[in-house]
Amino acid sequence: MRGAFRLLWRVLTYPFRWIKTRYNEARQFFTEEVEDTSVVDSFQKAAEHPYEILEHLDALRKHLLRALAFLIVTTALSFAFTSQIIDFLAKPIGGIHKLIAIDPTEPISVFMRVALLSGFVLAFPYIAFELWLFTAPGLKRNARLISLIAIPIATLFFVGGMAFAYFIMMPTALPFLLNFMGLTTQARPSSYIRFVTSLLFWIGAAFEFPLVIYILARIGLIRAKMLSEQWRLAIVLIAIVAAFITPTVDPVNMALVMGPLIVLYFLSIGLAYLAQRKRA
């Protein structure tokens, strides 16, 4: 009888003991400080103990597999509302009925492409969290906390970049592309959705740049002075990135992409300066 009561007590108190254990592990994880070693010493240690590199690669593989599994789940969940998302993406040209498919498999490829983008947006916080779990043990305590707090902010930046591309860039770019030289263009689902999803994804990724610069400056890996001195080179690189993102090389669409990227770059300089002051 006493054993039955002891078992019942352990079952009832298990959630509290599990929470206490996880709390102690998290507290130790966020309070312990890693050993400060130089890059040269790190490479030397890796050369002396190559098996440790394999352990890190195995840990990275596990984190990537978990992130991939979560992405598959969110993509599958996105199937329920992918049709509504496609209709929403087609609103700038008048709705989904304006898209004419000429290939039997075209609607399926469009559906899967939009579902994958939707699944990635839903899985973005968890993917970033898995990458943080992999890198956090090697970070300083302060950098560990800052990078963890940056995950929800990075999600907002990514979604904000996609909203900027949809509500600001697309209404300006599409009339120019669809009526160039006075020729009316009939949009195909594959080409139109490829253009829209690529634009949304890359602009959303570009909006992460100020946050990345702030974190690197806060950790001490980059300085605002270096960014301000290399602004000419940065503009050239931004022009190359804009040419890669935009489907055409006309100056109108390149300017629509370059403008926000240049503003984000100079915003990053200001954020790097603020991060240096806090670090000091």
Protein backbone atom coordinates (compact mmCIF):
# COMPACT_ATOMS: atom_id res chain seq x y z
CA MET A 1 0.00 0.00 0.00
CA ARG A 2 2.83 2.35 0.89
CA GLY A 3 4.47 1.63 -2.49
CA ALA A 4 1.24 2.53 -4.29
CA PHE A 5 1.03 5.89 -2.48
CA ARG A 6 4.69 6.54 -3.24
CA LEU A 7 4.09 5.81 -6.95
CA LEU A 8 1.00 8.02 -6.98
CA TRP A 9 2.95 10.83 -5.33
CA ARG A 10 5.74 10.55 -7.88
CA VAL A 11 3.24 10.66 -10.74
CA LEU A 12 1.45 13.70 -9.34
CA THR A 13 4.65 15.60 -8.62
CA TYR A 14 6.42 14.66 -11.86
CA PRO A 15 5.35 17.85 -13.76
CA PHE A 16 6.68 20.03 -10.95
CA ARG A 17 9.96 18.12 -10.72
CA TRP A 18 10.34 18.27 -14.51
CA ILE A 19 9.77 22.06 -14.49
CA LYS A 20 12.26 22.47 -11.64
CA THR A 21 14.89 20.43 -13.50
CA ARG A 22 14.42 22.39 -16.73
CA TYR A 23 14.54 25.65 -14.76
CA ASN A 24 17.83 24.71 -13.11
CA GLU A 25 19.32 23.65 -16.45
CA ALA A 26 18.21 26.90 -18.11
CA ARG A 27 19.55 28.95 -15.20
CA GLN A 28 22.91 27.22 -15.39
CA PHE A 29 22.97 27.61 -19.16
CA PHE A 30 22.37 31.36 -19.00
CA THR A 31 24.66 32.07 -16.06
CA GLU A 32 27.76 30.05 -16.90
CA GLU A 33 30.52 31.83 -18.83
CA VAL A 34 32.49 30.16 -21.58
CA GLU A 35 36.27 30.26 -21.68
CA ASP A 36 37.60 33.18 -23.69
CA THR A 37 39.88 31.75 -26.39
CA SER A 38 41.31 33.33 -29.51
CA VAL A 39 40.58 32.16 -33.04
CA VAL A 40 44.12 30.78 -33.40
CA ASP A 41 43.77 28.75 -30.21
CA SER A 42 40.41 27.43 -31.37
CA PHE A 43 41.86 26.22 -34.67
CA GLN A 44 44.82 24.68 -32.88
CA LYS A 45 42.53 22.86 -30.47
CA ALA A 46 40.40 21.63 -33.36
CA ALA A 47 43.52 20.33 -35.15
CA GLU A 48 44.66 18.50 -32.03
CA HIS A 49 41.23 16.99 -31.33
CA PRO A 50 39.48 16.48 -34.69
CA TYR A 51 36.84 14.23 -33.14
CA GLU A 52 35.35 17.31 -31.46
CA ILE A 53 34.60 18.74 -34.92
CA LEU A 54 32.67 15.58 -35.74
CA GLU A 55 30.69 15.99 -32.53
CA HIS A 56 29.79 19.55 -33.51
CA LEU A 57 28.81 18.44 -37.00
CA ASP A 58 26.63 15.72 -35.54
CA ALA A 59 24.96 18.27 -33.25
CA LEU A 60 24.40 20.59 -36.22
CA ARG A 61 22.86 17.70 -38.16
CA LYS A 62 20.38 17.05 -35.34
CA HIS A 63 19.38 20.71 -35.11
CA LEU A 64 18.92 20.96 -38.88
CA LEU A 65 16.86 17.77 -38.97
CA ARG A 66 14.56 19.07 -36.23
CA ALA A 67 14.20 22.38 -38.07
CA LEU A 68 13.47 20.52 -41.32
CA ALA A 69 10.87 18.32 -39.62
CA PHE A 70 9.14 21.39 -38.20
CA LEU A 71 9.23 23.04 -41.64
CA ILE A 72 7.55 19.96 -43.15
CA VAL A 73 4.81 20.14 -40.50
CA THR A 74 4.15 23.86 -41.01
CA THR A 75 4.16 23.40 -44.80
CA ALA A 76 1.60 20.61 -44.47
CA LEU A 77 -0.54 22.83 -42.24
CA SER A 78 -0.29 25.59 -44.83
CA PHE A 79 -2.14 23.41 -47.35
CA ALA A 80 -5.38 24.34 -45.57
CA PHE A 81 -5.13 28.02 -46.53
CA THR A 82 -2.72 28.08 -49.48
CA SER A 83 -5.51 28.82 -51.97
CA GLN A 84 -6.48 31.92 -49.98
CA ILE A 85 -2.82 33.04 -49.90
CA ILE A 86 -2.52 32.64 -53.68
CA ASP A 87 -5.65 34.74 -54.15
CA PHE A 88 -4.19 37.35 -51.78
CA LEU A 89 -0.90 37.43 -53.68
CA ALA A 90 -2.80 37.85 -56.97
CA LYS A 91 -4.81 40.87 -55.77
CA PRO A 92 -2.31 43.43 -57.18
CA ILE A 93 -3.14 42.22 -60.71
CA GLY A 94 -6.88 41.85 -60.13
CA GLY A 95 -7.25 38.45 -58.48
CA ILE A 96 -6.48 34.83 -59.17
CA HIS A 97 -8.83 34.72 -62.19
CA LYS A 98 -6.36 36.98 -64.04
CA LEU A 99 -3.75 34.21 -64.05
CA ILE A 100 -3.93 31.92 -67.07
CA ALA A 101 -2.24 28.50 -66.81
CA ILE A 102 -1.11 26.75 -70.01
CA ASP A 103 0.69 23.82 -68.41
CA PRO A 104 -1.34 21.03 -66.71
CA THR A 105 1.11 20.85 -63.78
CA GLU A 106 1.41 24.62 -63.37
CA PRO A 107 -1.30 25.04 -60.68
CA ILE A 108 0.26 22.25 -58.60
CA SER A 109 3.75 23.79 -58.73
CA VAL A 110 2.32 27.19 -57.81
CA PHE A 111 0.38 25.67 -54.92
CA MET A 112 3.47 23.90 -53.55
CA ARG A 113 5.66 26.99 -53.93
CA VAL A 114 3.26 29.18 -51.96
CA ALA A 115 2.72 26.47 -49.33
CA LEU A 116 6.49 26.17 -48.86
CA LEU A 117 6.88 29.93 -48.41
CA SER A 118 3.99 30.00 -45.95
CA GLY A 119 5.43 27.05 -44.06
CA PHE A 120 8.84 28.73 -43.88
CA VAL A 121 7.32 31.93 -42.45
CA LEU A 122 5.48 29.91 -39.79
CA ALA A 123 8.59 27.86 -38.99
CA PHE A 124 10.99 30.82 -39.04
CA PRO A 125 11.04 31.39 -35.23
CA TYR A 126 11.68 27.70 -34.54
CA ILE A 127 14.38 27.43 -37.23
CA ALA A 128 16.11 30.47 -35.73
CA PHE A 129 15.76 28.90 -32.27
CA GLU A 130 17.41 25.66 -33.43
CA LEU A 131 20.32 27.61 -34.91
CA TRP A 132 20.57 29.53 -31.63
CA LEU A 133 20.68 26.27 -29.65
CA PHE A 134 23.63 25.16 -31.79
CA THR A 135 25.63 28.41 -31.47
CA ALA A 136 24.67 29.47 -27.94
CA PRO A 137 27.07 27.18 -26.02
CA GLY A 138 30.02 28.93 -27.67
CA LEU A 139 28.79 32.47 -26.99
CA LYS A 140 29.45 34.73 -24.05
CA ARG A 141 26.68 34.96 -21.46
CA ASN A 142 25.71 38.46 -22.56
CA ALA A 143 25.73 37.53 -26.26
CA ARG A 144 23.68 34.44 -25.47
CA LEU A 145 20.86 36.48 -23.97
CA ILE A 146 20.96 39.13 -26.70
CA SER A 147 20.80 36.58 -29.50
CA LEU A 148 17.87 34.78 -27.85
CA ILE A 149 15.89 38.01 -27.49
CA ALA A 150 16.66 38.76 -31.14
CA ILE A 151 14.66 35.75 -32.39
CA PRO A 152 11.15 37.29 -32.05
CA ILE A 153 12.52 40.62 -33.29
CA ALA A 154 14.03 38.88 -36.32
CA THR A 155 10.62 37.32 -37.04
CA LEU A 156 8.97 40.75 -36.96
CA PHE A 157 11.67 42.15 -39.25
CA PHE A 158 11.19 39.30 -41.74
CA VAL A 159 7.41 39.69 -41.82
CA GLY A 160 7.81 43.48 -42.01
CA GLY A 161 10.09 43.14 -45.03
CA MET A 162 7.55 40.91 -46.76
CA ALA A 163 4.78 43.42 -46.00
CA PHE A 164 6.92 46.24 -47.40
CA ALA A 165 7.51 44.27 -50.60
CA TYR A 166 3.81 43.46 -50.99
CA PHE A 167 2.21 46.79 -50.10
CA ILE A 168 4.89 49.24 -51.32
CA MET A 169 7.07 47.64 -53.99
CA MET A 170 4.64 45.43 -55.88
CA PRO A 171 1.97 48.11 -56.60
CA THR A 172 4.75 50.24 -58.10
CA ALA A 173 6.62 47.54 -60.02
CA LEU A 174 3.76 45.50 -61.48
CA PRO A 175 2.12 48.24 -63.61
CA PHE A 176 5.52 48.98 -65.16
CA LEU A 177 6.26 45.31 -65.87
CA LEU A 178 2.82 44.38 -67.18
CA ASN A 179 2.43 47.42 -69.48
CA PHE A 180 5.97 48.03 -70.67
CA MET A 181 6.08 49.73 -74.10
CA GLY A 182 2.29 49.79 -74.10
CA LEU A 183 2.09 46.00 -74.46
CA THR A 184 -0.41 44.32 -72.13
CA THR A 185 1.07 41.19 -70.54
CA GLN A 186 -1.02 38.19 -69.57
CA ALA A 187 0.50 36.81 -66.38
CA ARG A 188 1.02 33.07 -66.01
CA PRO A 189 0.63 31.59 -62.51
CA SER A 190 4.13 30.06 -62.49
CA SER A 191 6.00 33.19 -63.59
CA TYR A 192 3.90 35.60 -61.51
CA ILE A 193 4.00 33.57 -58.29
CA ARG A 194 7.73 32.91 -58.75
CA PHE A 195 8.30 36.65 -59.07
CA VAL A 196 6.13 37.51 -56.05
CA THR A 197 7.44 34.80 -53.71
CA SER A 198 11.07 35.52 -54.60
CA LEU A 199 10.55 39.24 -54.02
CA LEU A 200 8.80 38.67 -50.68
CA PHE A 201 11.43 36.21 -49.45
CA TRP A 202 14.53 38.22 -50.39
CA ILE A 203 13.18 41.55 -49.17
CA GLY A 204 12.15 39.88 -45.91
CA ALA A 205 15.66 38.43 -45.61
CA ALA A 206 17.20 41.85 -46.39
CA PHE A 207 15.27 43.41 -43.52
CA GLU A 208 17.23 41.15 -41.16
CA PHE A 209 20.46 43.01 -42.00
CA PRO A 210 20.16 45.82 -39.37
CA LEU A 211 19.42 43.29 -36.64
CA VAL A 212 22.38 41.11 -37.63
CA ILE A 213 24.69 44.15 -37.65
CA TYR A 214 23.41 45.24 -34.24
CA ILE A 215 24.07 41.82 -32.72
CA LEU A 216 27.55 41.61 -34.25
CA ALA A 217 28.38 45.10 -33.00
CA ARG A 218 26.95 44.31 -29.58
CA ILE A 219 29.17 41.25 -29.37
CA GLY A 220 32.15 43.25 -30.60
CA LEU A 221 32.77 41.60 -33.99
CA ILE A 222 32.06 44.70 -36.07
CA ARG A 223 32.29 48.48 -35.62
CA ALA A 224 30.21 51.36 -36.91
CA LYS A 225 33.28 53.23 -38.15
CA MET A 226 34.19 50.40 -40.49
CA LEU A 227 30.65 50.35 -41.94
CA SER A 228 30.62 54.11 -42.47
CA GLU A 229 34.03 54.06 -44.19
CA GLN A 230 32.98 51.29 -46.60
CA TRP A 231 29.66 52.81 -47.70
CA ARG A 232 30.76 53.10 -51.35
CA LEU A 233 31.62 49.42 -51.53
CA ALA A 234 28.34 48.64 -49.77
CA ILE A 235 26.32 50.49 -52.42
CA VAL A 236 28.05 48.51 -55.18
CA LEU A 237 27.26 45.26 -53.38
CA ILE A 238 23.67 46.40 -52.83
CA ALA A 239 23.34 47.08 -56.57
CA ILE A 240 24.53 43.52 -57.28
CA VAL A 241 22.07 42.10 -54.76
CA ALA A 242 19.26 44.21 -56.23
CA ALA A 243 20.06 42.91 -59.71
CA PHE A 244 19.91 39.37 -58.33
CA ILE A 245 16.57 39.89 -56.57
CA THR A 246 14.73 41.75 -59.34
CA PRO A 247 13.59 39.71 -62.35
CA THR A 248 14.64 42.49 -64.77
CA VAL A 249 17.61 44.86 -64.92
CA ASP A 250 15.58 47.99 -65.66
CA PRO A 251 16.47 50.96 -63.43
CA VAL A 252 12.94 51.35 -62.04
CA ASN A 253 12.72 47.95 -60.38
CA MET A 254 16.37 47.97 -59.34
CA ALA A 255 15.82 51.35 -57.68
CA LEU A 256 12.78 49.98 -55.85
CA VAL A 257 14.99 47.29 -54.32
CA MET A 258 18.15 49.37 -53.89
CA GLY A 259 16.39 52.21 -52.08
CA PRO A 260 15.24 50.18 -49.05
CA LEU A 261 18.53 48.26 -48.92
CA ILE A 262 20.58 51.47 -48.84
CA VAL A 263 18.34 52.89 -46.10
CA LEU A 264 18.73 49.64 -44.15
CA TYR A 265 22.51 49.85 -44.50
CA PHE A 266 22.74 53.35 -43.05
CA LEU A 267 20.26 52.36 -40.37
CA SER A 268 22.61 49.50 -39.54
CA ILE A 269 25.44 52.01 -39.03
CA GLY A 270 23.34 53.85 -36.46
CA LEU A 271 22.38 50.63 -34.71
CA ALA A 272 26.01 49.52 -34.65
CA TYR A 273 26.95 52.83 -33.01
CA LEU A 274 24.26 52.37 -30.35
CA ALA A 275 25.42 48.80 -29.76
CA GLN A 276 29.00 49.96 -29.26
CA ARG A 277 27.90 52.53 -26.68
CA LYS A 278 25.98 49.88 -24.74
CA ARG A 279 28.93 47.53 -24.95
CA ALA A 280 31.25 50.25 -23.63
